[in-house]
Amino acid sequence: MKVKVNNKIITIFNGAEVKDAIRKYSTKEYKKVKKGIKIITDKNGNQVMPTGELMGDEELNIIDKKN
């Protein structure tokens, strides 16, 4: 299935979680998410949990966490 991460299309396996797509996009960015420096949002700006299930065609963004 395909998921867009920061405007880059990622092909990921069916049943993948958000964290799998982020890790495939960038392990460096994934580590920042794990440390709480950055968060993941959907196309509407809502925060998404790394353990959320992907259905395909989602749009995810990795952004700086607002303090």
Protein backbone atom coordinates (compact mmCIF):
# COMPACT_ATOMS: atom_id res chain seq x y z
CA MET A 1 0.00 0.00 0.00
CA LYS A 2 1.07 3.60 -0.47
CA VAL A 3 1.28 6.30 2.17
CA LYS A 4 2.51 9.86 1.79
CA VAL A 5 5.01 11.05 4.42
CA ASN A 6 6.09 14.70 4.22
CA ASN A 7 4.92 14.75 0.57
CA LYS A 8 7.01 11.67 -0.35
CA ILE A 9 5.16 8.50 -1.37
CA ILE A 10 6.23 5.44 0.61
CA THR A 11 5.27 1.89 -0.34
CA ILE A 12 4.71 -0.15 2.83
CA PHE A 13 3.32 -3.60 3.62
CA ASN A 14 -0.39 -4.19 4.33
CA GLY A 15 -1.18 -4.06 8.05
CA ALA A 16 1.64 -1.60 8.74
CA GLU A 17 1.46 0.90 11.58
CA VAL A 18 2.28 4.60 11.37
CA LYS A 19 5.71 3.98 12.94
CA ASP A 20 6.59 1.53 10.15
CA ALA A 21 5.95 4.19 7.49
CA ILE A 22 7.90 6.81 9.45
CA ARG A 23 10.82 4.42 9.92
CA LYS A 24 10.87 3.63 6.20
CA TYR A 25 10.76 7.35 5.39
CA SER A 26 13.62 8.22 7.80
CA THR A 27 15.08 6.42 10.80
CA LYS A 28 16.50 9.77 11.93
CA GLU A 29 13.03 11.35 12.00
CA TYR A 30 11.57 8.27 13.70
CA LYS A 31 14.12 8.59 16.51
CA LYS A 32 13.07 12.24 17.00
CA VAL A 33 9.44 11.12 17.26
CA LYS A 34 10.39 8.46 19.83
CA LYS A 35 12.28 11.09 21.88
CA GLY A 36 9.27 13.43 21.79
CA ILE A 37 11.07 16.12 19.77
CA LYS A 38 8.67 15.70 16.85
CA ILE A 39 5.09 14.47 16.40
CA ILE A 40 3.17 12.87 13.56
CA THR A 41 0.05 14.52 12.16
CA ASP A 42 -2.48 13.58 9.50
CA LYS A 43 -3.48 15.76 6.54
CA ASN A 44 -5.92 17.67 8.78
CA GLY A 45 -3.27 18.50 11.38
CA ASN A 46 -4.51 15.99 13.96
CA GLN A 47 -1.85 14.19 15.95
CA VAL A 48 -1.48 10.51 15.04
CA MET A 49 -0.11 7.86 17.37
CA PRO A 50 2.86 5.79 16.10
CA THR A 51 0.95 2.58 16.81
CA GLY A 52 -2.01 3.62 14.66
CA GLU A 53 -2.96 1.28 11.84
CA LEU A 54 -2.57 2.38 8.25
CA MET A 55 -5.22 1.63 5.65
CA GLY A 56 -3.44 3.14 2.63
CA ASP A 57 -3.54 6.54 0.94
CA GLU A 58 -2.99 8.38 4.23
CA GLU A 59 -0.98 11.58 4.34
CA LEU A 60 1.34 11.94 7.32
CA ASN A 61 3.56 14.83 8.35
CA ILE A 62 6.41 14.87 10.83
CA ILE A 63 6.52 18.25 12.57
CA ASP A 64 8.30 19.86 15.50
CA LYS A 65 6.46 19.41 18.77
CA LYS A 66 5.07 22.71 20.05
CA ASN A 67 6.04 23.38 23.65
